[in-house]
Amino acid sequence: MRMRTGGCLCGAVRYEVKGEPLRAGLCHCAGCRKESGSAFVTFAVWPLAAFTHSGSVATYEGRSFCAACGSRLFCLTEKEAELRLGSLDDAPMEIAPLYEVWIKRRESWLHPLPGIDQYEEDAG
């Protein structure tokens, strides 16, 4: 079973995730744009049981980040772990988005990713 590792910029938070993601996407919503400081966020979702982490995290509205350096890392629910793909140690990580959400907020200079599902707001 494949194991991936990741963490924050300063190294205070580390995580591991086992297996392949359930899904991967790209989000243009206002929340993702604000928390990332970028035009979009790329993410992938694993079962929560496949995910472990160490180190001190702070959480705001479900978004967890390193308490020391502020790197955005993951969102945890009762069943799933949604990881920010940029926080993985290996790049490229061979995980391609299968869909884009909140495309009504996509910048005009960004083109739709070809061959994947597109959603005006949240995935249906």
N, C-alpha and C. Protein backbone atom coordinates (compact mmCIF):
# COMPACT_ATOMS: atom_id res chain seq x y z
N MET A 1 0.85 -1.18 0.00
CA MET A 1 0.00 0.00 0.00
C MET A 1 0.89 1.24 0.00
N ARG A 2 0.58 2.17 -0.84
CA ARG A 2 1.37 3.39 -0.96
C ARG A 2 1.21 4.27 0.27
N MET A 3 2.32 4.84 0.73
CA MET A 3 2.34 5.77 1.86
C MET A 3 2.89 7.09 1.36
N ARG A 4 2.16 8.17 1.64
CA ARG A 4 2.65 9.51 1.30
C ARG A 4 2.85 10.28 2.60
N THR A 5 3.82 11.18 2.59
CA THR A 5 4.09 12.01 3.76
C THR A 5 4.03 13.48 3.35
N GLY A 6 3.82 14.31 4.34
CA GLY A 6 3.78 15.74 4.10
C GLY A 6 3.92 16.50 5.39
N GLY A 7 3.86 17.81 5.28
CA GLY A 7 3.97 18.63 6.47
C GLY A 7 4.04 20.10 6.13
N CYS A 8 4.31 20.86 7.16
CA CYS A 8 4.32 22.31 7.03
C CYS A 8 5.70 22.82 6.62
N LEU A 9 5.77 24.11 6.39
CA LEU A 9 7.01 24.76 5.95
C LEU A 9 8.12 24.65 6.99
N CYS A 10 7.80 24.82 8.27
CA CYS A 10 8.83 24.81 9.31
C CYS A 10 9.15 23.42 9.84
N GLY A 11 8.35 22.41 9.49
CA GLY A 11 8.60 21.04 9.92
C GLY A 11 7.98 20.66 11.25
N ALA A 12 7.28 21.57 11.90
CA ALA A 12 6.68 21.28 13.21
C ALA A 12 5.50 20.30 13.11
N VAL A 13 4.83 20.27 11.97
CA VAL A 13 3.71 19.35 11.76
C VAL A 13 4.07 18.40 10.63
N ARG A 14 3.87 17.12 10.87
CA ARG A 14 4.12 16.09 9.88
C ARG A 14 2.86 15.23 9.78
N TYR A 15 2.63 14.65 8.62
CA TYR A 15 1.52 13.72 8.47
C TYR A 15 1.88 12.59 7.52
N GLU A 16 1.10 11.52 7.62
CA GLU A 16 1.20 10.38 6.71
C GLU A 16 -0.20 10.02 6.26
N VAL A 17 -0.31 9.56 5.03
CA VAL A 17 -1.59 9.10 4.51
C VAL A 17 -1.32 7.82 3.70
N LYS A 18 -2.15 6.81 3.93
CA LYS A 18 -1.97 5.50 3.29
C LYS A 18 -2.96 5.32 2.15
N GLY A 19 -2.49 4.67 1.10
CA GLY A 19 -3.36 4.32 -0.02
C GLY A 19 -3.56 5.47 -0.99
N GLU A 20 -4.49 5.25 -1.89
CA GLU A 20 -4.81 6.25 -2.91
C GLU A 20 -5.99 7.10 -2.46
N PRO A 21 -6.08 8.34 -2.92
CA PRO A 21 -7.20 9.20 -2.52
C PRO A 21 -8.53 8.71 -3.09
N LEU A 22 -9.59 9.06 -2.38
CA LEU A 22 -10.95 8.78 -2.85
C LEU A 22 -11.30 9.66 -4.03
N ARG A 23 -10.81 10.91 -3.99
CA ARG A 23 -11.07 11.87 -5.05
C ARG A 23 -10.07 13.03 -4.91
N ALA A 24 -9.91 13.75 -5.98
CA ALA A 24 -9.03 14.92 -5.98
C ALA A 24 -9.69 16.01 -6.79
N GLY A 25 -9.49 17.26 -6.37
CA GLY A 25 -10.13 18.35 -7.08
C GLY A 25 -9.35 19.65 -6.98
N LEU A 26 -9.92 20.64 -7.61
CA LEU A 26 -9.38 21.98 -7.64
C LEU A 26 -10.54 22.92 -7.30
N CYS A 27 -10.32 23.82 -6.34
CA CYS A 27 -11.41 24.70 -5.88
C CYS A 27 -11.05 26.17 -6.04
N HIS A 28 -12.03 26.93 -6.56
CA HIS A 28 -11.87 28.37 -6.78
C HIS A 28 -12.72 29.20 -5.83
N CYS A 29 -13.31 28.59 -4.78
CA CYS A 29 -14.23 29.32 -3.90
C CYS A 29 -13.50 30.42 -3.13
N ALA A 30 -14.26 31.36 -2.60
CA ALA A 30 -13.68 32.50 -1.87
C ALA A 30 -12.89 32.04 -0.65
N GLY A 31 -13.40 31.06 0.08
CA GLY A 31 -12.70 30.56 1.26
C GLY A 31 -11.35 29.96 0.92
N CYS A 32 -11.30 29.13 -0.11
CA CYS A 32 -10.03 28.51 -0.52
C CYS A 32 -9.06 29.56 -1.04
N ARG A 33 -9.57 30.53 -1.77
CA ARG A 33 -8.70 31.58 -2.28
C ARG A 33 -8.08 32.38 -1.13
N LYS A 34 -8.90 32.74 -0.15
CA LYS A 34 -8.41 33.53 0.99
C LYS A 34 -7.40 32.75 1.82
N GLU A 35 -7.73 31.48 2.16
CA GLU A 35 -6.83 30.74 3.04
C GLU A 35 -5.53 30.36 2.36
N SER A 36 -5.52 30.25 1.04
CA SER A 36 -4.30 29.87 0.34
C SER A 36 -3.49 31.08 -0.13
N GLY A 37 -4.16 32.23 -0.26
CA GLY A 37 -3.49 33.39 -0.83
C GLY A 37 -3.22 33.22 -2.31
N SER A 38 -3.96 32.33 -2.95
CA SER A 38 -3.77 32.02 -4.35
C SER A 38 -5.12 32.02 -5.07
N ALA A 39 -5.10 31.78 -6.36
CA ALA A 39 -6.33 31.82 -7.15
C ALA A 39 -7.17 30.55 -7.02
N PHE A 40 -6.58 29.48 -6.48
CA PHE A 40 -7.30 28.22 -6.30
C PHE A 40 -6.51 27.32 -5.36
N VAL A 41 -7.14 26.23 -4.94
CA VAL A 41 -6.51 25.22 -4.09
C VAL A 41 -6.66 23.86 -4.77
N THR A 42 -5.61 23.05 -4.74
CA THR A 42 -5.71 21.66 -5.18
C THR A 42 -5.69 20.79 -3.93
N PHE A 43 -6.57 19.79 -3.92
CA PHE A 43 -6.74 18.97 -2.74
C PHE A 43 -7.06 17.54 -3.14
N ALA A 44 -6.88 16.63 -2.20
CA ALA A 44 -7.30 15.24 -2.37
C ALA A 44 -7.86 14.76 -1.04
N VAL A 45 -8.78 13.80 -1.13
CA VAL A 45 -9.50 13.31 0.04
C VAL A 45 -9.23 11.83 0.25
N TRP A 46 -8.88 11.47 1.48
CA TRP A 46 -8.66 10.08 1.89
C TRP A 46 -9.63 9.75 3.03
N PRO A 47 -9.88 8.46 3.27
CA PRO A 47 -10.62 8.09 4.48
C PRO A 47 -9.82 8.55 5.70
N LEU A 48 -10.50 9.02 6.73
CA LEU A 48 -9.83 9.51 7.93
C LEU A 48 -8.94 8.43 8.54
N ALA A 49 -9.36 7.18 8.46
CA ALA A 49 -8.58 6.07 9.04
C ALA A 49 -7.23 5.90 8.36
N ALA A 50 -7.04 6.44 7.17
CA ALA A 50 -5.77 6.33 6.44
C ALA A 50 -4.80 7.44 6.80
N PHE A 51 -5.20 8.38 7.66
CA PHE A 51 -4.45 9.60 7.93
C PHE A 51 -3.99 9.66 9.38
N THR A 52 -2.74 10.07 9.61
CA THR A 52 -2.24 10.37 10.95
C THR A 52 -1.38 11.63 10.86
N HIS A 53 -1.31 12.37 11.97
CA HIS A 53 -0.43 13.54 11.98
C HIS A 53 0.17 13.73 13.37
N SER A 54 1.25 14.49 13.41
CA SER A 54 1.90 14.85 14.66
C SER A 54 2.24 16.33 14.61
N GLY A 55 2.35 16.93 15.77
CA GLY A 55 2.66 18.35 15.86
C GLY A 55 1.42 19.15 16.20
N SER A 56 1.64 20.39 16.55
CA SER A 56 0.56 21.27 17.00
C SER A 56 -0.09 22.01 15.83
N VAL A 57 -1.39 21.78 15.66
CA VAL A 57 -2.13 22.49 14.63
C VAL A 57 -3.17 23.39 15.27
N ALA A 58 -3.49 24.46 14.61
CA ALA A 58 -4.61 25.32 14.96
C ALA A 58 -5.66 25.11 13.88
N THR A 59 -6.91 25.34 14.21
CA THR A 59 -7.98 25.12 13.26
C THR A 59 -8.92 26.31 13.26
N TYR A 60 -9.29 26.75 12.06
CA TYR A 60 -10.25 27.83 11.89
C TYR A 60 -11.27 27.37 10.86
N GLU A 61 -12.54 27.33 11.25
CA GLU A 61 -13.63 26.91 10.38
C GLU A 61 -13.30 25.61 9.64
N GLY A 62 -12.74 24.64 10.37
CA GLY A 62 -12.44 23.33 9.81
C GLY A 62 -11.13 23.22 9.07
N ARG A 63 -10.45 24.33 8.87
CA ARG A 63 -9.18 24.32 8.14
C ARG A 63 -8.03 24.29 9.15
N SER A 64 -7.21 23.24 9.11
CA SER A 64 -6.11 23.10 10.05
C SER A 64 -4.80 23.56 9.43
N PHE A 65 -4.00 24.22 10.26
CA PHE A 65 -2.73 24.78 9.81
C PHE A 65 -1.72 24.70 10.93
N CYS A 66 -0.45 24.79 10.59
CA CYS A 66 0.61 24.74 11.59
C CYS A 66 0.49 25.93 12.53
N ALA A 67 0.52 25.66 13.83
CA ALA A 67 0.42 26.72 14.82
C ALA A 67 1.67 27.60 14.84
N ALA A 68 2.80 27.10 14.33
CA ALA A 68 4.05 27.87 14.33
C ALA A 68 4.22 28.71 13.07
N CYS A 69 4.13 28.09 11.89
CA CYS A 69 4.43 28.82 10.65
C CYS A 69 3.19 29.20 9.84
N GLY A 70 2.04 28.63 10.17
CA GLY A 70 0.80 29.00 9.49
C GLY A 70 0.50 28.25 8.21
N SER A 71 1.35 27.30 7.83
CA SER A 71 1.10 26.53 6.59
C SER A 71 -0.24 25.81 6.67
N ARG A 72 -1.07 25.97 5.63
CA ARG A 72 -2.35 25.26 5.54
C ARG A 72 -2.08 23.83 5.13
N LEU A 73 -2.71 22.89 5.84
CA LEU A 73 -2.38 21.49 5.64
C LEU A 73 -3.57 20.60 5.30
N PHE A 74 -4.61 20.64 6.11
CA PHE A 74 -5.70 19.69 5.94
C PHE A 74 -6.99 20.15 6.60
N CYS A 75 -8.08 19.50 6.19
CA CYS A 75 -9.40 19.63 6.80
C CYS A 75 -9.83 18.22 7.21
N LEU A 76 -10.21 18.06 8.46
CA LEU A 76 -10.63 16.74 8.94
C LEU A 76 -12.11 16.75 9.28
N THR A 77 -12.81 15.69 8.87
CA THR A 77 -14.20 15.47 9.26
C THR A 77 -14.26 14.14 10.00
N GLU A 78 -15.44 13.72 10.39
CA GLU A 78 -15.59 12.44 11.08
C GLU A 78 -15.15 11.27 10.22
N LYS A 79 -15.22 11.42 8.90
CA LYS A 79 -14.94 10.31 8.00
C LYS A 79 -13.77 10.52 7.05
N GLU A 80 -13.39 11.77 6.80
CA GLU A 80 -12.42 12.04 5.75
C GLU A 80 -11.33 13.02 6.17
N ALA A 81 -10.20 12.92 5.47
CA ALA A 81 -9.09 13.87 5.60
C ALA A 81 -8.85 14.47 4.22
N GLU A 82 -9.06 15.78 4.12
CA GLU A 82 -8.82 16.50 2.87
C GLU A 82 -7.48 17.21 2.99
N LEU A 83 -6.51 16.80 2.18
CA LEU A 83 -5.16 17.33 2.26
C LEU A 83 -4.89 18.34 1.15
N ARG A 84 -4.17 19.40 1.48
CA ARG A 84 -3.71 20.34 0.48
C ARG A 84 -2.52 19.70 -0.22
N LEU A 85 -2.64 19.47 -1.52
CA LEU A 85 -1.62 18.71 -2.24
C LEU A 85 -0.25 19.37 -2.21
N GLY A 86 -0.20 20.67 -2.10
CA GLY A 86 1.08 21.36 -2.02
C GLY A 86 1.85 21.07 -0.75
N SER A 87 1.20 20.49 0.25
CA SER A 87 1.88 20.17 1.51
C SER A 87 2.50 18.77 1.50
N LEU A 88 2.28 18.00 0.43
CA LEU A 88 2.93 16.69 0.32
C LEU A 88 4.43 16.88 0.07
N ASP A 89 5.23 15.94 0.56
CA ASP A 89 6.68 16.03 0.39
C ASP A 89 7.12 15.83 -1.05
N ASP A 90 6.47 14.91 -1.76
CA ASP A 90 6.88 14.60 -3.13
C ASP A 90 6.10 15.42 -4.15
N ALA A 91 6.83 16.01 -5.05
CA ALA A 91 6.21 16.71 -6.17
C ALA A 91 6.99 16.36 -7.42
N PRO A 92 6.36 15.97 -8.50
CA PRO A 92 4.90 15.79 -8.59
C PRO A 92 4.45 14.55 -7.82
N MET A 93 3.21 14.60 -7.37
CA MET A 93 2.71 13.53 -6.53
C MET A 93 1.81 12.56 -7.30
N GLU A 94 1.68 12.78 -8.60
CA GLU A 94 0.90 11.89 -9.48
C GLU A 94 -0.57 11.82 -9.11
N ILE A 95 -1.09 12.87 -8.50
CA ILE A 95 -2.52 12.94 -8.18
C ILE A 95 -3.09 14.08 -9.00
N ALA A 96 -3.93 13.76 -9.95
CA ALA A 96 -4.52 14.78 -10.82
C ALA A 96 -5.96 15.05 -10.41
N PRO A 97 -6.40 16.30 -10.44
CA PRO A 97 -7.79 16.61 -10.13
C PRO A 97 -8.74 15.92 -11.10
N LEU A 98 -9.85 15.45 -10.54
CA LEU A 98 -10.91 14.83 -11.34
C LEU A 98 -12.06 15.79 -11.59
N TYR A 99 -12.04 16.92 -10.87
CA TYR A 99 -13.11 17.91 -11.03
C TYR A 99 -12.64 19.27 -10.54
N GLU A 100 -13.32 20.32 -11.02
CA GLU A 100 -13.12 21.69 -10.55
C GLU A 100 -14.43 22.19 -9.97
N VAL A 101 -14.35 22.84 -8.82
CA VAL A 101 -15.54 23.41 -8.20
C VAL A 101 -15.41 24.92 -8.09
N TRP A 102 -16.56 25.56 -7.98
CA TRP A 102 -16.67 27.02 -7.91
C TRP A 102 -16.02 27.70 -9.11
N ILE A 103 -16.29 27.13 -10.29
CA ILE A 103 -15.69 27.69 -11.50
C ILE A 103 -16.24 29.08 -11.83
N LYS A 104 -17.38 29.44 -11.25
CA LYS A 104 -17.88 30.80 -11.48
C LYS A 104 -16.94 31.84 -10.87
N ARG A 105 -16.01 31.42 -10.01
CA ARG A 105 -15.01 32.30 -9.42
C ARG A 105 -13.62 32.11 -10.04
N ARG A 106 -13.51 31.22 -11.01
CA ARG A 106 -12.21 30.97 -11.67
C ARG A 106 -11.77 32.25 -12.39
N GLU A 107 -10.50 32.58 -12.27
CA GLU A 107 -9.94 33.74 -12.95
C GLU A 107 -10.07 33.58 -14.46
N SER A 108 -10.33 34.68 -15.16
CA SER A 108 -10.53 34.62 -16.61
C SER A 108 -9.28 34.15 -17.35
N TRP A 109 -8.11 34.32 -16.76
CA TRP A 109 -6.86 33.92 -17.40
C TRP A 109 -6.53 32.44 -17.15
N LEU A 110 -7.34 31.76 -16.33
CA LEU A 110 -7.18 30.32 -16.11
C LEU A 110 -8.17 29.58 -17.01
N HIS A 111 -7.71 28.57 -17.67
CA HIS A 111 -8.58 27.78 -18.55
C HIS A 111 -9.05 26.54 -17.81
N PRO A 112 -10.23 26.04 -18.15
CA PRO A 112 -10.71 24.80 -17.52
C PRO A 112 -9.73 23.66 -17.80
N LEU A 113 -9.57 22.80 -16.81
CA LEU A 113 -8.74 21.61 -17.04
C LEU A 113 -9.51 20.70 -17.98
N PRO A 114 -8.90 20.27 -19.07
CA PRO A 114 -9.62 19.46 -20.06
C PRO A 114 -9.96 18.07 -19.53
N GLY A 115 -11.15 17.61 -19.89
CA GLY A 115 -11.56 16.25 -19.60
C GLY A 115 -11.99 15.95 -18.18
N ILE A 116 -12.18 16.99 -17.35
CA ILE A 116 -12.65 16.74 -15.98
C ILE A 116 -13.98 17.46 -15.77
N ASP A 117 -14.73 17.02 -14.76
CA ASP A 117 -16.03 17.62 -14.45
C ASP A 117 -15.85 19.05 -13.95
N GLN A 118 -16.80 19.91 -14.33
CA GLN A 118 -16.79 21.32 -13.95
C GLN A 118 -18.09 21.64 -13.21
N TYR A 119 -18.00 22.33 -12.06
CA TYR A 119 -19.17 22.66 -11.27
C TYR A 119 -19.18 24.16 -10.97
N GLU A 120 -20.29 24.83 -11.22
CA GLU A 120 -20.42 26.26 -10.95
C GLU A 120 -20.13 26.57 -9.48
N GLU A 121 -20.63 25.73 -8.58
CA GLU A 121 -20.39 25.89 -7.14
C GLU A 121 -19.87 24.55 -6.62
N ASP A 122 -20.43 24.06 -5.50
CA ASP A 122 -19.97 22.78 -4.95
C ASP A 122 -20.34 21.63 -5.88
N ALA A 123 -19.54 20.56 -5.80
CA ALA A 123 -19.82 19.34 -6.60
C ALA A 123 -21.14 18.75 -6.17
N GLY A 124 -21.92 18.34 -7.13
CA GLY A 124 -23.26 17.87 -6.88
C GLY A 124 -23.34 16.46 -6.51
